[in-house]
Structures are given as structure tokens and as C-alpha cells.
Amino acid sequence: MGMSAVYIVMLVGAGLIGGAFVGFFIRKTLLENRIEGIEAYSKRILAEAQKEANTIKREAALQAKDAVYQMKVEFERECGEKKENLLILEKRLLHKTEQFDKKFEQLQKREEKISEKEQDIERIRKDIQKKEDEYNRLVAQQRQELENLAGISMEEAKQILISSMEMEAKHDGAKLIRRIEGEAKAEADRKAQEIIALAVKRYAGDYAAEKIVSVVSLPNDEMKGRIIGREGRNIRAIEAATGIDLIIDDTPEAVILSGFNPVRRQVAKVSLERLIEDGRIHPARIEEIVAKVDKEIEASIKEAGEQAAFDVGVHGINPELIKLIGRLKYRSSYAQNVLQHSLEVSFLCGVMAAELGVNVKQAKRAGLLHDIGKAVDHEVEGPHALIGADLARKHGESPQVIHAIAAHHEDVPPESILAVLVQAADTLSGARPGARQEMLESYVNRLEKLEEIATSFHGVSKSFAIQAGREIRIMVESKLVDDDHAYMLCNEIAKKIEKELTYPGQIKVTVIRETRAVGYAK
């Protein structure tokens, strides 16, 4: 039993091994058959791909050949066209060359004709020159005969003709000027007269005359010696402390203070009066009094400036400008106090600005500050108008006010209504009767020169300077000067006065022409 089992097991194992071997061979056979099928399929695919590649290659070759053919055809076509164009251009060039040759021949022929004509012209020119010389000779001969017959030369006749034409042109021009200016000035004169009359009526300023010297009264002549002091030490101390010259002469009970700086002169005057009153006159006391008075004057200067600004109703002025306005209290121009003059100009500017519809506050401000440069013009070089404009600019005034200050004496051209108003107000304040003084001799000389200028013109018989030299009336001879010429003569005299004379304000020129008929009834 045990052996048979073992045998059976062996048989079974052998069967299993055999079956496995048979299965292996079967699978191998199937696998080989499958591999052969795959190889055959691959070969078939490769063959088909090779065939398709050959087909594509042949098509590409055909397309390339076709493209090359097309390019060849296009190239041959373009070459043909260019060849035709070249042939056409060649024909044109040959044609133009032939035309050029023909024109060249024509030019040569024309040049030959021109040369012949130039020769003819030269012959004609010589003939004309001969005839011209003969003509000039005949004209000169005729002119000489005419001059002999007329009794005057050609130049004299020409001058007579020119003078006649000139006088006629002047008369026509004078008529035109009279008509245009008459129309333009009619309304302007009326309005200006109204504004000026209103301004003068509403303000009449005080008049104060000051000079460059101040006089200090003394209680007695013995005081002169005390002022001079031992070896002149007191007078030297006063002059050194104040910067003002003391003149002690034979004038009884008086000492004269001389200097162009009005503030220093006032300090010296007040200091000397206090020293005389105190009686203690020596260098130390002089320096003490002068220092004290100097502070008082500075305070009064500031107060005067503030009062002036308050009087005209102008606010917000820089304190430094206020001090300069106050210094004008001690400055005079043609014996007219500059501070009073500035107040007048400010009021007049305000009145005229109100009439014209201009900013009144700004006009008053410009009028008050217009002469501010006179407060320092002895310290700074240049016209006081430009100095004042620089000061106003430095202390923050508006551009309109600065320009009005600079232009009030036309150091720069006026470019605004405000500048013209300040000019007019400044002229009014200086030109009103009693505003300014001048030396009698210079006054008489100015009147004589005014009349001399008027009588220097042809046709003037008499001239009279009236109204303190602010108007001149001129009598002309009616036979020598007609109405139109009288108007022209008036303008010429006014221009000559402006050119040769210096005067405040303006001068009115009036030319009077009259014709009188006198008869007697018997």
C-alpha cells in the first residue's frame, strides 16, 4: 500500500510534468505564430509607407518643377517688359538729342542776330547821345533866355515854387489839425475843467515857505561868545554833533544854521534853543541835548507820518515808509513843504479818481507816497521818483502804486490811469497860485525869455506874459498871418517854449489875430 501510493504519486507527478511541458510547447508555438504575424504586418506597413513616401516625393518634384517653370516664365516676361521700356527710352533719348541739336543751331543763329542787333543798338545809342547833347545845349540856351526874360534864376524860381507849395501844405495841414483836435478836445477839455475845478474847490492846502537856513534868536549878543566857546570848542561840538554849519556874523541877536538836511537842521535848531534856555553850554552838555532832541525829532517824524496817513485815510503802510513820510515834514521844494504837497496830491488824486470811477484808496495811497524818494534823495543817487519806487517796492506796495510813483515825472512812461492821475495832481499842487516861490530875478528873466521866444517868430507884433508867467498872449499882424497860420504858429511857439524854458506847471499860449476897420462919419 505504501509502495503503490508512492508509485501513484510518481505517476501523477510525471503526468503533471508532461502536461506542463506540452503546455509550454503549445504556448511557444502560439507565440512564434503571433510574432511571425506581427513581423508580416510590420513589413506590410513599411512597404505601404515606402510607397506613400515615393508618391509624395514624386509630387514634390513635380511641384518644384512647376514653380521653377512659373518663375522662369515670369522672369522672361519681366525681362521682355524692361527691354521694351529700354527701347522706348532709347528712342526718346535719340529724339531729344535731335531736338537739342536743332535748338543749339537755333541759339547759334539767334546769338549771331543778337550780336548784329547790339551793333545796331550801339550805333543808335551814339546817335541818341549826340541828340541828347544837342537837346541839353538847346535846353540850357532856352533856360538862359527864359532867365534873362524873367529876371530870376532857375534856382530862385524853384525856391519860390517850393515855398508856395510848402505854405499851401502847411495851411491844409493846419486846417486838418484844427478840425481833428477841435473835435477831440471839445469833450475832453470840458470834462477836465470840471474835474480840476471840483478838485481845487474841495481842497485848499496850507502854504509854508521854508529855506535851507534856519535862524535862532538870541537873548543878547553876549550869547554868541558863549555859543562859540573857548577857542571855538562849543561851536565845533555843535557842528560835529548835528552835522549843520553855524554862521555867527554881524546879524544882531541871531545865529544862522545852514544845511541841506532839513531834519538835522531842525535837530540843531531845537538843541541850540534849549542850550540857550538852559545856559549851560559846554561839549558834554551839547552832546547830551543833541542826543535827546534827536530822539524827540524821530518820534515827531513818526507821529507826523502816522497823522498824514490818518488824514488821507490810508492804512496798512509799512512803518519804515511812515517814518519817511514824516521826514517830508522837514523837506521843501520851491519853498513848498513836501509833506503838505504830498497831502494835497493825495486829496486831489482821490477827488479825481472818484470822478473817473477809479479806486479812490489806491489813488490816495499813490498820491501820498509819490514824493517819498525826496526823504532820502540826498543819501541815494538817482531821480527821486525812481528812488521812491524802489522804496515802495522794498516795503511791499502794490505794482500799480510803484508804477505811479516811478512815472509821475515821466522817468518811465505812464501806463495806467493811476499814473496819469498822480501826474495831474502833482502838477495841480505845484502850479496853484501861492504854492511855490522863486527868486525875483529868475522870475523876471523867465518872463522876459518867454516874451522873447514869442516875438522871435515872423508875423508877431507884440507879446505879453500874464498871470505870473502862466499864460502868454501874442498879437500877430493880420496881413502876414491868416487864421490857419495863427493856429500853426501857436503850436510852434508852445513847442519852442517847452524846449527852451524850465518852469513849474504849464504855460497857456494864446495867439490873437484881428482885423480892424475904422471909419469916420462927418
Protein backbone atom coordinates (compact mmCIF):
# COMPACT_ATOMS: atom_id res chain seq x y z
CA MET A 1 0.00 0.00 0.00
CA GLY A 2 2.77 2.21 0.77
CA MET A 3 4.59 1.47 -2.46
CA SER A 4 1.57 1.80 -4.62
CA ALA A 5 0.87 5.18 -3.15
CA VAL A 6 4.34 6.26 -3.88
CA TYR A 7 4.03 4.92 -7.41
CA ILE A 8 0.79 6.69 -7.89
CA VAL A 9 2.27 9.87 -6.65
CA MET A 10 5.14 9.50 -9.04
CA LEU A 11 2.79 8.78 -11.93
CA VAL A 12 0.77 11.79 -11.03
CA GLY A 13 3.90 13.93 -10.79
CA ALA A 14 5.13 12.59 -14.13
CA GLY A 15 1.76 13.43 -15.66
CA LEU A 16 1.89 16.85 -14.29
CA ILE A 17 5.37 17.43 -15.63
CA GLY A 18 4.42 16.09 -19.01
CA GLY A 19 1.35 18.28 -19.12
CA ALA A 20 3.41 21.24 -18.23
CA PHE A 21 5.87 20.51 -20.96
CA VAL A 22 3.12 20.05 -23.52
CA GLY A 23 1.55 23.38 -22.43
CA PHE A 24 4.90 25.06 -22.78
CA PHE A 25 5.29 23.82 -26.33
CA ILE A 26 1.80 24.87 -27.23
CA ARG A 27 2.32 28.39 -25.84
CA LYS A 28 5.68 28.66 -27.62
CA THR A 29 4.13 27.61 -30.91
CA LEU A 30 1.34 30.17 -30.49
CA LEU A 31 3.82 32.87 -29.55
CA GLU A 32 6.00 32.15 -32.57
CA ASN A 33 2.98 32.24 -34.85
CA ARG A 34 1.95 35.62 -33.34
CA ILE A 35 5.44 37.03 -33.78
CA GLU A 36 5.51 35.97 -37.39
CA GLY A 37 2.11 37.70 -37.93
CA ILE A 38 3.42 40.88 -36.33
CA GLU A 39 6.56 40.83 -38.47
CA ALA A 40 4.48 40.32 -41.60
CA TYR A 41 2.21 43.24 -40.61
CA SER A 42 5.21 45.44 -39.94
CA LYS A 43 6.72 44.64 -43.30
CA ARG A 44 3.41 45.40 -44.98
CA ILE A 45 3.19 48.78 -43.14
CA LEU A 46 6.78 49.63 -44.08
CA ALA A 47 6.09 48.74 -47.68
CA GLU A 48 3.00 50.97 -47.74
CA ALA A 49 4.94 53.83 -46.06
CA GLN A 50 7.74 53.48 -48.57
CA LYS A 51 5.23 53.55 -51.38
CA GLU A 52 3.50 56.66 -49.95
CA ALA A 53 6.86 58.40 -49.43
CA ASN A 54 7.81 57.73 -53.02
CA THR A 55 4.45 59.15 -54.12
CA ILE A 56 4.97 62.34 -52.03
CA LYS A 57 8.50 62.71 -53.34
CA ARG A 58 7.31 62.47 -56.92
CA GLU A 59 4.57 65.07 -56.25
CA ALA A 60 7.07 67.44 -54.58
CA ALA A 61 9.43 67.11 -57.51
CA LEU A 62 6.61 67.88 -59.89
CA GLN A 63 5.57 70.94 -57.85
CA ALA A 64 9.16 72.17 -57.75
CA LYS A 65 9.50 71.80 -61.47
CA ASP A 66 6.23 73.66 -61.97
CA ALA A 67 7.37 76.51 -59.65
CA VAL A 68 10.66 76.79 -61.45
CA TYR A 69 8.83 76.93 -64.73
CA GLN A 70 6.50 79.63 -63.48
CA MET A 71 9.44 81.71 -62.19
CA LYS A 72 11.20 81.29 -65.50
CA VAL A 73 8.09 82.45 -67.37
CA GLU A 74 7.70 85.46 -65.01
CA PHE A 75 11.36 86.36 -65.35
CA GLU A 76 11.21 86.18 -69.13
CA ARG A 77 8.05 88.33 -69.08
CA GLU A 78 9.68 90.99 -66.86
CA CYS A 79 12.84 90.98 -68.96
CA GLY A 80 10.71 91.45 -72.03
CA GLU A 81 8.90 94.43 -70.48
CA LYS A 82 12.16 96.06 -69.34
CA LYS A 83 13.67 95.54 -72.73
CA GLU A 84 10.66 97.23 -74.31
CA ASN A 85 10.96 100.13 -71.84
CA LEU A 86 14.64 100.49 -72.59
CA LEU A 87 13.89 100.58 -76.28
CA ILE A 88 11.27 103.27 -75.71
CA LEU A 89 13.68 105.33 -73.56
CA GLU A 90 16.37 104.94 -76.14
CA LYS A 91 14.04 106.23 -78.84
CA ARG A 92 13.08 109.22 -76.62
CA LEU A 93 16.72 109.98 -75.87
CA LEU A 94 17.55 109.91 -79.56
CA HIS A 95 14.59 112.20 -80.24
CA LYS A 96 15.63 114.67 -77.50
CA THR A 97 19.21 114.61 -78.73
CA GLU A 98 17.99 115.55 -82.19
CA GLN A 99 15.83 118.35 -80.69
CA PHE A 100 18.77 119.61 -78.63
CA ASP A 101 20.96 119.73 -81.71
CA LYS A 102 18.27 121.70 -83.55
CA LYS A 103 17.86 124.14 -80.63
CA PHE A 104 21.60 124.57 -80.36
CA GLU A 105 21.73 125.51 -84.02
CA GLN A 106 18.84 127.94 -83.47
CA LEU A 107 20.64 129.50 -80.48
CA GLN A 108 23.75 129.98 -82.52
CA LYS A 109 21.75 131.72 -85.21
CA ARG A 110 19.94 133.84 -82.58
CA GLU A 111 23.27 134.79 -80.96
CA GLU A 112 24.55 135.94 -84.32
CA LYS A 113 21.38 138.05 -84.77
CA ILE A 114 21.74 139.49 -81.23
CA SER A 115 25.32 140.42 -81.95
CA GLU A 116 24.18 142.23 -85.07
CA LYS A 117 21.40 143.97 -83.09
CA GLU A 118 23.88 145.02 -80.37
CA GLN A 119 25.98 146.65 -83.01
CA ASP A 120 22.89 148.41 -84.31
CA ILE A 121 21.94 149.46 -80.76
CA GLU A 122 25.42 150.85 -80.14
CA ARG A 123 25.13 152.92 -83.30
CA ILE A 124 21.65 154.10 -82.22
CA ARG A 125 22.95 154.91 -78.69
CA LYS A 126 25.69 157.06 -80.13
CA ASP A 127 23.13 158.87 -82.28
CA ILE A 128 20.89 159.37 -79.23
CA GLN A 129 23.83 160.67 -77.17
CA LYS A 130 24.55 163.20 -79.85
CA LYS A 131 20.90 164.23 -79.95
CA GLU A 132 20.77 164.38 -76.12
CA ASP A 133 23.82 166.61 -76.02
CA GLU A 134 22.19 168.81 -78.63
CA TYR A 135 18.94 168.78 -76.62
CA ASN A 136 20.74 169.75 -73.39
CA ARG A 137 22.50 172.53 -75.22
CA LEU A 138 19.22 173.81 -76.59
CA VAL A 139 17.52 173.49 -73.15
CA ALA A 140 20.35 175.38 -71.47
CA GLN A 141 20.12 178.03 -74.15
CA GLN A 142 16.33 178.30 -73.73
CA ARG A 143 16.68 178.34 -69.92
CA GLN A 144 19.19 181.15 -70.12
CA GLU A 145 16.90 183.09 -72.40
CA LEU A 146 13.94 182.48 -70.01
CA GLU A 147 16.01 183.57 -67.01
CA ASN A 148 17.03 186.69 -68.90
CA LEU A 149 13.42 187.43 -69.76
CA ALA A 150 12.06 186.64 -66.23
CA GLY A 151 14.86 188.37 -64.37
CA ILE A 152 15.33 185.44 -61.89
CA SER A 153 17.41 182.28 -61.96
CA MET A 154 16.04 178.74 -62.13
CA GLU A 155 17.06 178.04 -58.52
CA GLU A 156 15.22 181.15 -57.35
CA ALA A 157 12.11 180.12 -59.30
CA LYS A 158 12.37 176.63 -57.79
CA GLN A 159 12.64 178.06 -54.28
CA ILE A 160 9.60 180.28 -54.89
CA LEU A 161 7.62 177.29 -56.10
CA ILE A 162 8.72 175.13 -53.16
CA SER A 163 7.88 177.87 -50.67
CA SER A 164 4.46 178.32 -52.22
CA MET A 165 3.77 174.58 -52.09
CA GLU A 166 5.11 174.38 -48.52
CA MET A 167 2.86 177.18 -47.32
CA GLU A 168 -0.13 175.61 -49.05
CA ALA A 169 0.65 172.23 -47.43
CA LYS A 170 1.05 173.88 -44.02
CA HIS A 171 -2.27 175.63 -44.37
CA ASP A 172 -4.01 172.41 -45.39
CA GLY A 173 -2.32 170.58 -42.51
CA ALA A 174 -3.29 173.30 -40.05
CA LYS A 175 -6.92 173.11 -41.18
CA LEU A 176 -6.95 169.35 -40.74
CA ILE A 177 -5.27 169.59 -37.32
CA ARG A 178 -7.73 172.25 -36.19
CA ARG A 179 -10.68 170.15 -37.20
CA ILE A 180 -9.43 166.88 -35.65
CA GLU A 181 -8.10 168.41 -32.44
CA GLY A 182 -11.14 170.63 -32.06
CA GLU A 183 -13.47 167.64 -32.23
CA ALA A 184 -11.31 165.51 -29.92
CA LYS A 185 -10.59 168.19 -27.34
CA ALA A 186 -14.07 169.65 -27.06
CA GLU A 187 -15.42 166.98 -24.74
CA ALA A 188 -12.05 166.27 -23.09
CA ASP A 189 -11.50 169.94 -22.19
CA ARG A 190 -14.95 170.23 -20.71
CA LYS A 191 -14.55 167.12 -18.57
CA ALA A 192 -11.02 168.05 -17.48
CA GLN A 193 -12.17 171.52 -16.45
CA GLU A 194 -14.96 170.03 -14.38
CA ILE A 195 -12.62 167.61 -12.60
CA ILE A 196 -9.91 170.23 -11.94
CA ALA A 197 -12.43 172.81 -10.77
CA LEU A 198 -14.02 170.31 -8.40
CA ALA A 199 -10.62 169.21 -7.05
CA VAL A 200 -9.45 172.78 -6.44
CA LYS A 201 -12.79 173.73 -4.86
CA ARG A 202 -12.77 170.78 -2.43
CA TYR A 203 -9.23 171.22 -1.19
CA ALA A 204 -7.20 174.30 -0.40
CA GLY A 205 -3.90 173.43 1.27
CA ASP A 206 -1.88 175.48 3.71
CA TYR A 207 1.18 177.27 2.47
CA ALA A 208 4.51 177.09 4.28
CA ALA A 209 7.73 178.59 3.00
CA GLU A 210 10.98 177.03 4.13
CA LYS A 211 14.55 177.62 3.10
CA ILE A 212 17.88 175.90 3.54
CA VAL A 213 18.73 178.02 6.58
CA SER A 214 17.16 178.33 9.99
CA VAL A 215 17.52 181.34 12.29
CA VAL A 216 17.82 181.03 16.07
CA SER A 217 17.07 184.19 18.06
CA LEU A 218 19.45 185.10 20.91
CA PRO A 219 18.54 187.00 24.09
CA ASN A 220 21.63 189.21 23.60
CA ASP A 221 24.81 189.41 21.58
CA GLU A 222 26.89 188.14 24.52
CA MET A 223 25.35 184.72 23.95
CA LYS A 224 27.27 184.47 20.63
CA GLY A 225 30.54 184.28 22.56
CA ARG A 226 29.21 181.53 24.82
CA ILE A 227 28.00 179.57 21.79
CA ILE A 228 31.44 179.86 20.18
CA GLY A 229 33.16 178.86 23.41
CA ARG A 230 36.82 178.96 24.32
CA GLU A 231 38.87 178.57 21.14
CA GLY A 232 35.65 177.63 19.35
CA ARG A 233 35.17 174.30 21.11
CA ASN A 234 31.42 174.76 21.66
CA ILE A 235 30.59 175.65 18.06
CA ARG A 236 32.74 172.78 16.82
CA ALA A 237 30.95 170.41 19.20
CA ILE A 238 27.54 171.59 17.97
CA GLU A 239 28.55 171.23 14.30
CA ALA A 240 30.07 167.78 14.92
CA ALA A 241 27.03 166.52 16.82
CA THR A 242 24.40 167.85 14.39
CA GLY A 243 26.22 167.94 11.05
CA ILE A 244 24.97 171.51 10.48
CA ASP A 245 27.06 174.63 9.96
CA LEU A 246 26.61 177.55 12.39
CA ILE A 247 27.02 181.00 10.91
CA ILE A 248 27.69 183.67 13.54
CA ASP A 249 28.06 187.06 11.86
CA ASP A 250 27.09 190.67 12.50
CA THR A 251 23.39 189.87 12.45
CA PRO A 252 22.13 191.23 15.79
CA GLU A 253 20.87 188.69 18.31
CA ALA A 254 20.65 185.84 15.79
CA VAL A 255 22.58 182.72 14.75
CA ILE A 256 22.06 181.16 11.33
CA LEU A 257 22.01 177.37 10.88
CA SER A 258 22.89 176.26 7.35
CA GLY A 259 22.47 172.78 5.90
CA PHE A 260 20.64 170.88 3.19
CA ASN A 261 19.39 168.13 5.51
CA PRO A 262 16.19 169.62 6.99
CA VAL A 263 15.92 167.01 9.76
CA ARG A 264 19.43 167.67 11.02
CA ARG A 265 18.82 171.40 10.74
CA GLN A 266 15.70 171.07 12.91
CA VAL A 267 17.62 168.99 15.45
CA ALA A 268 20.33 171.65 15.56
CA LYS A 269 17.78 174.47 15.92
CA VAL A 270 15.86 172.86 18.80
CA SER A 271 19.11 171.79 20.52
CA LEU A 272 20.57 175.30 20.31
CA GLU A 273 17.36 176.86 21.63
CA ARG A 274 17.39 174.51 24.62
CA LEU A 275 21.07 175.16 25.29
CA ILE A 276 20.42 178.90 25.24
CA GLU A 277 17.45 178.46 27.58
CA ASP A 278 19.43 176.18 29.94
CA GLY A 279 22.51 178.39 29.93
CA ARG A 280 24.95 175.51 30.39
CA ILE A 281 26.83 175.39 27.11
CA HIS A 282 29.79 173.01 27.01
CA PRO A 283 30.66 169.96 24.80
CA ALA A 284 29.30 167.31 27.19
CA ARG A 285 26.01 169.16 27.65
CA ILE A 286 25.80 169.78 23.89
CA GLU A 287 26.11 166.06 23.13
CA GLU A 288 23.50 165.21 25.76
CA ILE A 289 20.98 167.77 24.49
CA VAL A 290 21.53 166.84 20.82
CA ALA A 291 21.00 163.12 21.56
CA LYS A 292 17.80 163.85 23.47
CA VAL A 293 16.43 166.19 20.79
CA ASP A 294 17.34 163.70 18.07
CA LYS A 295 15.12 161.08 19.72
CA GLU A 296 12.30 163.61 20.11
CA ILE A 297 12.53 164.61 16.44
CA GLU A 298 12.47 160.96 15.37
CA ALA A 299 9.33 160.46 17.47
CA SER A 300 7.74 163.58 15.96
CA ILE A 301 8.67 162.36 12.47
CA LYS A 302 6.88 159.06 13.08
CA GLU A 303 3.90 160.89 14.55
CA ALA A 304 3.75 163.24 11.54
CA GLY A 305 3.80 160.27 9.15
CA GLU A 306 1.06 158.47 11.07
CA GLN A 307 -1.03 161.64 11.18
CA ALA A 308 -0.62 162.15 7.42
CA ALA A 309 -1.71 158.57 6.70
CA PHE A 310 -4.68 159.04 9.05
CA ASP A 311 -5.68 162.35 7.44
CA VAL A 312 -5.93 160.85 3.95
CA GLY A 313 -7.49 157.60 5.18
CA VAL A 314 -4.71 155.28 4.02
CA HIS A 315 -3.92 152.29 6.24
CA GLY A 316 -1.51 149.37 6.23
CA ILE A 317 1.58 151.36 5.17
CA ASN A 318 4.89 149.83 6.26
CA PRO A 319 6.29 151.55 9.41
CA GLU A 320 9.51 152.42 7.59
CA LEU A 321 7.50 154.23 4.91
CA ILE A 322 5.56 156.02 7.67
CA LYS A 323 8.86 157.37 9.02
CA LEU A 324 9.92 158.51 5.55
CA ILE A 325 6.57 160.28 5.08
CA GLY A 326 7.17 162.09 8.39
CA ARG A 327 10.64 163.19 7.26
CA LEU A 328 8.98 165.05 4.39
CA LYS A 329 7.70 167.50 7.01
CA TYR A 330 11.20 168.96 7.13
CA ARG A 331 11.73 168.96 3.35
CA SER A 332 10.68 171.73 0.95
CA SER A 333 10.63 172.05 -2.83
CA TYR A 334 10.46 175.54 -4.37
CA ALA A 335 9.65 176.69 -0.79
CA GLN A 336 6.63 174.33 -0.76
CA ASN A 337 6.57 171.88 2.17
CA VAL A 338 6.79 168.40 0.64
CA LEU A 339 4.58 166.74 3.28
CA GLN A 340 1.83 169.31 2.71
CA HIS A 341 2.35 168.91 -1.04
CA SER A 342 2.00 165.10 -0.71
CA LEU A 343 -1.20 165.53 1.27
CA GLU A 344 -2.55 167.86 -1.42
CA VAL A 345 -1.66 165.41 -4.16
CA SER A 346 -3.28 162.57 -2.21
CA PHE A 347 -6.54 164.52 -1.77
CA LEU A 348 -6.56 165.66 -5.41
CA CYS A 349 -5.91 162.10 -6.63
CA GLY A 350 -8.80 160.87 -4.50
CA VAL A 351 -11.18 163.52 -5.85
CA MET A 352 -10.29 162.88 -9.49
CA ALA A 353 -10.33 159.09 -9.00
CA ALA A 354 -13.84 159.32 -7.57
CA GLU A 355 -14.97 161.35 -10.59
CA LEU A 356 -13.43 158.86 -13.03
CA GLY A 357 -14.57 155.72 -11.22
CA VAL A 358 -11.03 154.62 -10.29
CA ASN A 359 -10.03 153.02 -6.95
CA VAL A 360 -10.02 156.02 -4.56
CA LYS A 361 -7.99 154.34 -1.78
CA GLN A 362 -5.29 153.30 -4.19
CA ALA A 363 -5.19 156.77 -5.78
CA LYS A 364 -4.79 158.46 -2.37
CA ARG A 365 -2.08 155.97 -1.42
CA ALA A 366 -0.11 156.67 -4.62
CA GLY A 367 -0.54 160.44 -4.15
CA LEU A 368 0.72 160.34 -0.55
CA LEU A 369 3.77 158.21 -1.46
CA HIS A 370 4.64 159.82 -4.83
CA ASP A 371 7.45 162.05 -3.41
CA ILE A 372 8.70 159.55 -0.79
CA GLY A 373 12.04 159.43 -2.61
CA LYS A 374 12.73 163.06 -1.57
CA ALA A 375 13.11 161.87 2.02
CA VAL A 376 16.34 160.05 1.09
CA ASP A 377 17.41 161.55 -2.25
CA HIS A 378 20.36 163.27 -0.53
CA GLU A 379 21.57 159.81 0.55
CA VAL A 380 20.87 157.80 -2.63
CA GLU A 381 21.84 158.71 -6.20
CA GLY A 382 19.18 158.94 -8.88
CA PRO A 383 15.86 160.70 -9.61
CA HIS A 384 13.59 160.90 -6.57
CA ALA A 385 10.74 159.22 -8.50
CA LEU A 386 12.77 156.07 -9.16
CA ILE A 387 14.20 156.13 -5.63
CA GLY A 388 10.65 156.34 -4.25
CA ALA A 389 9.52 153.46 -6.48
CA ASP A 390 12.38 151.28 -5.18
CA LEU A 391 11.46 152.13 -1.57
CA ALA A 392 7.79 151.31 -2.21
CA ARG A 393 8.75 148.01 -3.86
CA LYS A 394 11.07 147.16 -0.97
CA HIS A 395 8.32 147.75 1.59
CA GLY A 396 5.59 145.74 -0.14
CA GLU A 397 3.49 148.29 -2.05
CA SER A 398 1.37 147.12 -5.00
CA PRO A 399 2.79 147.20 -8.57
CA GLN A 400 0.20 149.85 -9.57
CA VAL A 401 1.31 152.24 -6.82
CA ILE A 402 5.00 151.56 -7.56
CA HIS A 403 4.49 152.38 -11.25
CA ALA A 404 2.55 155.56 -10.44
CA ILE A 405 5.41 156.75 -8.19
CA ALA A 406 8.05 155.98 -10.82
CA ALA A 407 6.09 157.63 -13.66
CA HIS A 408 4.92 160.86 -12.01
CA HIS A 409 7.83 162.79 -13.59
CA GLU A 410 7.94 160.50 -16.68
CA ASP A 411 11.23 158.85 -15.67
CA VAL A 412 9.29 155.86 -17.00
CA PRO A 413 6.34 156.20 -19.42
CA PRO A 414 2.93 156.24 -17.62
CA GLU A 415 0.96 153.11 -18.49
CA SER A 416 -2.11 153.39 -16.24
CA ILE A 417 -4.86 155.84 -15.31
CA LEU A 418 -3.45 155.92 -11.77
CA ALA A 419 -0.05 157.14 -13.03
CA VAL A 420 -1.70 159.91 -15.08
CA LEU A 421 -3.81 160.97 -12.09
CA VAL A 422 -0.73 161.29 -9.89
CA GLN A 423 0.98 163.35 -12.62
CA ALA A 424 -2.02 165.68 -12.91
CA ALA A 425 -2.44 166.07 -9.14
CA ASP A 426 1.29 166.75 -8.69
CA THR A 427 1.12 169.47 -11.36
CA LEU A 428 -2.01 170.99 -9.81
CA SER A 429 -0.48 171.14 -6.34
CA GLY A 430 2.70 172.80 -7.59
CA ALA A 431 1.03 175.13 -10.07
CA ARG A 432 -1.75 176.61 -7.96
CA PRO A 433 -1.27 180.31 -7.06
CA GLY A 434 0.88 180.76 -3.94
CA ALA A 435 2.09 177.18 -3.82
CA ARG A 436 5.70 177.87 -4.68
CA GLN A 437 8.14 180.76 -4.55
CA GLU A 438 11.03 181.63 -6.76
CA MET A 439 13.71 184.27 -6.82
CA LEU A 440 12.57 187.63 -8.22
CA GLU A 441 15.48 187.79 -10.65
CA SER A 442 14.85 184.31 -12.08
CA TYR A 443 11.13 185.12 -12.24
CA VAL A 444 11.73 188.29 -14.25
CA ASN A 445 14.24 186.52 -16.51
CA ARG A 446 11.72 183.78 -17.22
CA LEU A 447 9.05 186.30 -18.19
CA GLU A 448 11.49 188.15 -20.46
CA LYS A 449 12.62 184.93 -22.10
CA LEU A 450 9.00 183.90 -22.59
CA GLU A 451 8.19 187.12 -24.43
CA GLU A 452 11.46 186.93 -26.38
CA ILE A 453 10.59 183.45 -27.68
CA ALA A 454 7.18 184.64 -28.83
CA THR A 455 8.46 187.73 -30.66
CA SER A 456 11.15 185.70 -32.46
CA PHE A 457 8.51 184.30 -34.87
CA HIS A 458 7.68 186.04 -38.14
CA GLY A 459 4.40 187.95 -38.10
CA VAL A 460 4.31 188.54 -34.31
CA SER A 461 3.87 192.20 -33.43
CA LYS A 462 3.60 192.11 -29.61
CA SER A 463 3.63 189.56 -26.79
CA PHE A 464 2.53 189.84 -23.15
CA ALA A 465 3.33 187.39 -20.32
CA ILE A 466 0.45 187.47 -17.84
CA GLN A 467 -0.80 185.54 -14.79
CA ALA A 468 2.69 185.28 -13.23
CA GLY A 469 4.09 183.78 -16.41
CA ARG A 470 1.49 181.01 -16.68
CA GLU A 471 0.00 182.49 -19.86
CA ILE A 472 1.37 184.43 -22.80
CA ARG A 473 -0.81 186.36 -25.23
CA ILE A 474 0.61 187.06 -28.67
CA MET A 475 -0.64 189.70 -31.10
CA VAL A 476 0.02 188.95 -34.79
CA GLU A 477 -0.27 191.09 -37.89
CA SER A 478 -3.40 190.11 -39.77
CA LYS A 479 -1.84 190.86 -43.18
CA LEU A 480 1.07 188.46 -42.58
CA VAL A 481 -0.70 185.72 -40.61
CA ASP A 482 -4.06 184.25 -41.59
CA ASP A 483 -6.35 182.16 -39.35
CA ASP A 484 -4.84 178.81 -40.29
CA HIS A 485 -1.29 180.10 -39.90
CA ALA A 486 -2.20 181.55 -36.48
CA TYR A 487 -3.19 178.13 -35.24
CA MET A 488 0.02 176.61 -36.57
CA LEU A 489 2.06 179.48 -35.07
CA CYS A 490 0.52 178.80 -31.65
CA ASN A 491 1.71 175.18 -31.74
CA GLU A 492 5.21 176.15 -32.89
CA ILE A 493 5.61 178.73 -30.09
CA ALA A 494 4.38 176.21 -27.48
CA LYS A 495 6.92 173.63 -28.68
CA LYS A 496 9.77 176.14 -28.56
CA ILE A 497 8.79 177.19 -25.02
CA GLU A 498 8.82 173.54 -23.92
CA LYS A 499 12.25 173.08 -25.48
CA GLU A 500 14.00 176.19 -24.16
CA LEU A 501 12.35 177.03 -20.81
CA THR A 502 12.12 175.31 -17.43
CA TYR A 503 9.00 176.18 -15.43
CA PRO A 504 6.58 174.65 -12.93
CA GLY A 505 3.16 173.60 -14.16
CA GLN A 506 2.15 174.67 -17.66
CA ILE A 507 2.04 177.82 -19.78
CA LYS A 508 -1.00 178.72 -21.88
CA VAL A 509 -0.18 180.16 -25.32
CA THR A 510 -2.85 182.38 -26.91
CA VAL A 511 -2.41 183.83 -30.40
CA ILE A 512 -4.72 186.78 -31.21
CA ARG A 513 -5.36 187.93 -34.78
CA GLU A 514 -7.80 190.70 -35.51
CA THR A 515 -8.73 192.94 -38.42
CA ARG A 516 -10.00 196.45 -37.65
CA ALA A 517 -11.98 198.66 -39.97
CA VAL A 518 -12.04 202.34 -38.95
CA GLY A 519 -14.29 204.93 -40.49
CA TYR A 520 -15.48 208.45 -39.64
CA ALA A 521 -18.99 209.82 -40.02
CA LYS A 522 -18.97 213.53 -40.86
